[in-house]
Amino acid sequence: MMISTPRSIDDRIAEVATHGDAAWFDNNPDRRIRIRQAVAGEFAENIGQPPVGMRWFVLVLEAQPGARLRQPIALSIGFDISGLDDGALFSLFKQAAPVEARDLLSKLRAAKLPGITKPAS
């Protein structure tokens, strides 16, 4: 008999955000990065309140189908995210992401995951 442990609300929030990201990439197969508003509680670590005059967004990078990395980024409340292409979004990622996140992205891109074909870059 398998006993399931109750999941926290933060686990469920992260799962919903993850499913939303997966659906977005399914509907936008030519894209490798997206930006969206952060969902409160989606990160295991507490990212806290954004600096005054800013709000939290999330850059979601798809290293290969099904392998994604999320990076929180604080941007000005008036910052217009519509129309940002992959190049502009990746520039934001390079500015916001710690070295460990950039290294992890490289490793995810290089990994040969079973049953998944790598997209052409």
C-alpha atoms as a PDB file:
ATOM      1  CA  MET A   1       0.000   0.000   0.000  1.00  0.00           C
ATOM      2  CA  MET A   2       1.393   3.346  -1.038  1.00  0.00           C
ATOM      3  CA  ILE A   3       0.923   6.203   1.393  1.00  0.00           C
ATOM      4  CA  SER A   4       0.902   9.643  -0.115  1.00  0.00           C
ATOM      5  CA  THR A   5       2.137  12.548   1.904  1.00  0.00           C
ATOM      6  CA  PRO A   6       0.153  15.756   1.798  1.00  0.00           C
ATOM      7  CA  ARG A   7       1.729  18.288  -0.513  1.00  0.00           C
ATOM      8  CA  SER A   8       2.202  21.840   0.625  1.00  0.00           C
ATOM      9  CA  ILE A   9       0.415  24.714  -1.039  1.00  0.00           C
ATOM     10  CA  ASP A  10       3.810  25.903  -2.342  1.00  0.00           C
ATOM     11  CA  ASP A  11       4.366  22.500  -3.994  1.00  0.00           C
ATOM     12  CA  ARG A  12       0.986  22.752  -5.689  1.00  0.00           C
ATOM     13  CA  ILE A  13       1.653  26.352  -6.790  1.00  0.00           C
ATOM     14  CA  ALA A  14       5.004  25.327  -8.290  1.00  0.00           C
ATOM     15  CA  GLU A  15       3.313  22.417 -10.078  1.00  0.00           C
ATOM     16  CA  VAL A  16       0.661  24.705 -11.602  1.00  0.00           C
ATOM     17  CA  ALA A  17       3.360  27.164 -12.749  1.00  0.00           C
ATOM     18  CA  THR A  18       5.376  24.277 -14.232  1.00  0.00           C
ATOM     19  CA  HIS A  19       2.351  22.956 -16.135  1.00  0.00           C
ATOM     20  CA  GLY A  20       1.634  26.448 -17.431  1.00  0.00           C
ATOM     21  CA  ASP A  21       5.210  26.787 -18.663  1.00  0.00           C
ATOM     22  CA  ALA A  22       5.042  23.377 -20.363  1.00  0.00           C
ATOM     23  CA  ALA A  23       1.807  24.345 -22.131  1.00  0.00           C
ATOM     24  CA  TRP A  24       3.312  27.651 -23.260  1.00  0.00           C
ATOM     25  CA  PHE A  25       6.342  25.922 -24.790  1.00  0.00           C
ATOM     26  CA  ASP A  26       4.063  23.319 -26.426  1.00  0.00           C
ATOM     27  CA  ASN A  27       2.124  26.186 -28.035  1.00  0.00           C
ATOM     28  CA  ASN A  28       5.287  28.110 -28.982  1.00  0.00           C
ATOM     29  CA  PRO A  29       7.666  25.414 -30.299  1.00  0.00           C
ATOM     30  CA  ASP A  30       9.943  27.977 -31.970  1.00  0.00           C
ATOM     31  CA  ARG A  31      10.728  29.695 -28.650  1.00  0.00           C
ATOM     32  CA  ARG A  32      13.330  28.667 -26.058  1.00  0.00           C
ATOM     33  CA  ILE A  33      12.705  31.333 -23.405  1.00  0.00           C
ATOM     34  CA  ARG A  34       9.717  33.158 -21.992  1.00  0.00           C
ATOM     35  CA  ILE A  35       9.013  35.773 -19.350  1.00  0.00           C
ATOM     36  CA  ARG A  36       5.963  35.889 -17.127  1.00  0.00           C
ATOM     37  CA  GLN A  37       4.927  37.362 -13.822  1.00  0.00           C
ATOM     38  CA  ALA A  38       6.111  35.314 -10.875  1.00  0.00           C
ATOM     39  CA  VAL A  39       3.543  33.349  -8.912  1.00  0.00           C
ATOM     40  CA  ALA A  40       3.787  33.859  -5.147  1.00  0.00           C
ATOM     41  CA  GLY A  41       5.219  30.711  -3.558  1.00  0.00           C
ATOM     42  CA  GLU A  42       6.476  29.053  -6.750  1.00  0.00           C
ATOM     43  CA  PHE A  43      10.104  28.961  -5.596  1.00  0.00           C
ATOM     44  CA  ALA A  44      11.313  26.657  -2.827  1.00  0.00           C
ATOM     45  CA  GLU A  45      13.430  29.457  -1.423  1.00  0.00           C
ATOM     46  CA  ASN A  46      11.763  32.661  -0.324  1.00  0.00           C
ATOM     47  CA  ILE A  47      12.749  35.348  -2.808  1.00  0.00           C
ATOM     48  CA  GLY A  48      11.128  37.988  -0.624  1.00  0.00           C
ATOM     49  CA  GLN A  49       9.545  41.209  -1.697  1.00  0.00           C
ATOM     50  CA  PRO A  50      10.863  42.907  -4.823  1.00  0.00           C
ATOM     51  CA  PRO A  51      12.727  46.178  -4.380  1.00  0.00           C
ATOM     52  CA  VAL A  52      10.544  49.310  -4.174  1.00  0.00           C
ATOM     53  CA  GLY A  53       9.090  50.196  -7.561  1.00  0.00           C
ATOM     54  CA  MET A  54       9.685  46.725  -8.969  1.00  0.00           C
ATOM     55  CA  ARG A  55       7.844  43.424  -9.281  1.00  0.00           C
ATOM     56  CA  TRP A  56       8.953  39.826  -9.668  1.00  0.00           C
ATOM     57  CA  PHE A  57       8.984  38.143 -13.048  1.00  0.00           C
ATOM     58  CA  VAL A  58      10.298  34.717 -14.023  1.00  0.00           C
ATOM     59  CA  LEU A  59      12.462  33.888 -17.004  1.00  0.00           C
ATOM     60  CA  VAL A  60      11.765  30.302 -18.046  1.00  0.00           C
ATOM     61  CA  LEU A  61      14.383  28.746 -20.315  1.00  0.00           C
ATOM     62  CA  GLU A  62      13.753  25.493 -22.109  1.00  0.00           C
ATOM     63  CA  ALA A  63      17.137  23.802 -22.447  1.00  0.00           C
ATOM     64  CA  GLN A  64      15.468  21.017 -24.418  1.00  0.00           C
ATOM     65  CA  PRO A  65      11.895  19.712 -24.499  1.00  0.00           C
ATOM     66  CA  GLY A  66      10.813  18.947 -20.952  1.00  0.00           C
ATOM     67  CA  ALA A  67      13.984  20.323 -19.333  1.00  0.00           C
ATOM     68  CA  ARG A  68      13.417  23.874 -18.115  1.00  0.00           C
ATOM     69  CA  LEU A  69      15.115  26.298 -15.770  1.00  0.00           C
ATOM     70  CA  ARG A  70      13.326  29.147 -13.959  1.00  0.00           C
ATOM     71  CA  GLN A  71      15.110  32.346 -12.904  1.00  0.00           C
ATOM     72  CA  PRO A  72      13.376  35.078 -10.875  1.00  0.00           C
ATOM     73  CA  ILE A  73      14.129  38.650 -11.942  1.00  0.00           C
ATOM     74  CA  ALA A  74      12.930  41.959 -10.470  1.00  0.00           C
ATOM     75  CA  LEU A  75      11.945  44.519 -13.098  1.00  0.00           C
ATOM     76  CA  SER A  76      10.515  48.013 -12.879  1.00  0.00           C
ATOM     77  CA  ILE A  77       6.734  48.107 -12.482  1.00  0.00           C
ATOM     78  CA  GLY A  78       6.475  50.022 -15.758  1.00  0.00           C
ATOM     79  CA  PHE A  79       8.771  47.655 -17.688  1.00  0.00           C
ATOM     80  CA  ASP A  80       7.011  46.405 -20.846  1.00  0.00           C
ATOM     81  CA  ILE A  81       7.711  42.699 -21.369  1.00  0.00           C
ATOM     82  CA  SER A  82       5.526  42.348 -24.449  1.00  0.00           C
ATOM     83  CA  GLY A  83       7.432  41.893 -27.646  1.00  0.00           C
ATOM     84  CA  LEU A  84      10.753  40.877 -26.076  1.00  0.00           C
ATOM     85  CA  ASP A  85      12.382  38.284 -28.318  1.00  0.00           C
ATOM     86  CA  ASP A  86      14.545  35.364 -27.213  1.00  0.00           C
ATOM     87  CA  GLY A  87      17.743  37.394 -27.626  1.00  0.00           C
ATOM     88  CA  ALA A  88      16.546  40.206 -25.353  1.00  0.00           C
ATOM     89  CA  LEU A  89      15.214  37.725 -22.799  1.00  0.00           C
ATOM     90  CA  PHE A  90      18.460  35.755 -22.789  1.00  0.00           C
ATOM     91  CA  SER A  91      20.383  38.998 -22.187  1.00  0.00           C
ATOM     92  CA  LEU A  92      18.167  39.590 -19.127  1.00  0.00           C
ATOM     93  CA  PHE A  93      18.882  36.023 -17.979  1.00  0.00           C
ATOM     94  CA  LYS A  94      22.646  36.543 -18.254  1.00  0.00           C
ATOM     95  CA  GLN A  95      22.349  39.704 -16.139  1.00  0.00           C
ATOM     96  CA  ALA A  96      20.101  38.180 -13.460  1.00  0.00           C
ATOM     97  CA  ALA A  97      21.263  34.574 -13.182  1.00  0.00           C
ATOM     98  CA  PRO A  98      24.081  33.506 -10.909  1.00  0.00           C
ATOM     99  CA  VAL A  99      26.968  31.567 -12.457  1.00  0.00           C
ATOM    100  CA  GLU A 100      25.501  28.303 -11.080  1.00  0.00           C
ATOM    101  CA  ALA A 101      22.267  28.827 -13.053  1.00  0.00           C
ATOM    102  CA  ARG A 102      24.154  29.558 -16.271  1.00  0.00           C
ATOM    103  CA  ASP A 103      26.282  26.432 -15.721  1.00  0.00           C
ATOM    104  CA  LEU A 104      23.168  24.335 -15.069  1.00  0.00           C
ATOM    105  CA  LEU A 105      21.592  25.602 -18.293  1.00  0.00           C
ATOM    106  CA  SER A 106      24.693  24.549 -20.231  1.00  0.00           C
ATOM    107  CA  LYS A 107      24.595  21.085 -18.636  1.00  0.00           C
ATOM    108  CA  LEU A 108      20.877  20.677 -19.385  1.00  0.00           C
ATOM    109  CA  ARG A 109      21.429  21.674 -23.011  1.00  0.00           C
ATOM    110  CA  ALA A 110      24.270  19.168 -23.381  1.00  0.00           C
ATOM    111  CA  ALA A 111      22.492  16.263 -21.655  1.00  0.00           C
ATOM    112  CA  LYS A 112      21.143  13.459 -23.780  1.00  0.00           C
ATOM    113  CA  LEU A 113      17.734  12.813 -22.285  1.00  0.00           C
ATOM    114  CA  PRO A 114      16.063   9.534 -23.252  1.00  0.00           C
ATOM    115  CA  GLY A 115      13.276   9.865 -25.795  1.00  0.00           C
ATOM    116  CA  ILE A 116      13.758  13.582 -26.320  1.00  0.00           C
ATOM    117  CA  THR A 117      15.247  15.095 -29.426  1.00  0.00           C
ATOM    118  CA  LYS A 118      17.271  18.267 -29.026  1.00  0.00           C
ATOM    119  CA  PRO A 119      15.895  21.312 -30.823  1.00  0.00           C
ATOM    120  CA  ALA A 120      18.027  22.983 -33.448  1.00  0.00           C
ATOM    121  CA  SER A 121      19.592  26.142 -32.036  1.00  0.00           C
END
